Amino acid sequence: MKKYLLTALSVAILAGTGGYFAGTRGHAEPAQPAQPERKVLYWYDPMVPGQRFDKPGKSPFMDMQLVPRYADEGQHPTQSGVSISPQQQQNLGMVVQAAQMRSLTPAFQAWATVTTDDRSLQTVPSPANGVVEKLFVRAPQQWVKAGEPLAQLWIPTWTTAQQEYLAVRQLGDAALTRAARERLALQFMPEAIVREVERSGKPQTRLTLRAEKAGYVAKLDTREGAQVAATAPLFELAGLDPVWLVVDYPQSQASGLAVGSEVRATSESWPGLTFHGRVSELLPQMETTTRTLKARIVLDNPQQKLKPGMYLRVEQASRQASSPVLAIPEEALIATGSSNRVIVAGEEGHFQAVNVTPGLSAEGWTEIRTGLKEGDRVVTSGQFLIDSEASLRSALPEAPVAQDHSHHDMGDAQ
């Protein structure tokens, strides 16, 4: 009996001791409260942010894992902004650059077509009614030198007037002789013909038409044996020094060209050669089919290497530096047709779409007239994905998660 009591007492002491230590340990190391698990709204592909999935897995669009969208993300006071983690920024290949003051000088470059300088066109008419006895130039586009004969005309109507002049001249009356000579000039009789009449004392009814300067025959409007009327055009001659360049350029480059601007042109037909000219006129009408403006450039062509119809690349010979303006890289601007905006990088991975007013562009930079200040950081790579994500959140703030059952197997496989 005594042994039984001793054993029971030992068990009670051990039990009490265990309870003491257990209580002491519980007070020494209080249990840590469990962290609440972040709620996932859906999974998505950053390259196609409009498509949502209800399970993780591999994107069906790109060779990358889907990214979770948590309920506590993007809680920024600006509705158009989004928050992107550093890892997601790296995955998107985002590049950020600061807006800065730069001197932008737009470079004018365009293609131009060589045409004939209309001011060099020369019409060779028939001076009187007659017959084309002989043609020395028989085809259009034929090249002629200065003084080269073009055609020989027989003009019988000159006979009577020249005979009268010779008769009056024999009378010795200076006043009558002068009046008779003036009547010959009124019949468009060249001075060389009148002198030949005076020298030979015989009527001169054949006339050789010659080119006054070098050029090519742009038009040939007669044939041998044809009867021609007074002042009827027989030839049209055109020169090739200088020539015209007709330049087509977009409206955005309208400020880069002015009357008197010096330009240089190059041609693939003559590599290594540079042709120089000056803007003669800015043509007033816009080409309705191409929506481009036109300018006329007078280009020196001393060796007549340039021919009508050739294409030349034109650029300004010199550019004057302009005053510095606030500018961003061209690729940072998102132009939608109805608006222009950029993605501005803020603190703690927040990005916001900001409307801006762009100006001129040059050398890979675009002027920003309103919407930004110097030092603002804008996204130059990956901005379209951020912009589409921001627009999606703004337009569908309460959109339910799309159930893509076809993607379940793919997600489970992961």
Foldseek 3Di string as FASTA:
>chain_A
DVVVVVVVVVVVVVVVVVVVVVVVVCVVDPDDDDDDDFAFQFWADLVCRVATARFWFADPVDRDTTDTDTPPFPPDPDLLKGFDAPVVCVVQVWDKDFWAWDWFFAWDKFKWFWDFDPVQKDFDFALFWWFFAFAPDDDFFAWDAAFAWGTKTFAVVQQVLLLVLLVQVVVVDPVSNVVSVVVCVVSVNDPVQNVVCVVVVHHDGMDTDGHRHIFTWRDADDDHGDIHGHRHTGTMGTHVFKIKIKTWDAPLCPVVADFFFKKWKDAPVDPPDIKIWTWHAFDDDADPVVRTTITIITIGDPVSPDDGGGMIMMITPDTDTDGIATKDFPLQWDDDPVFIWGWWADPNRMIGIWTWDWDHDHPRIIGTDDTDDGGTMTIRGSGVSRSVNSVVCSVCVPDHGDYDVVCVVSSVVD
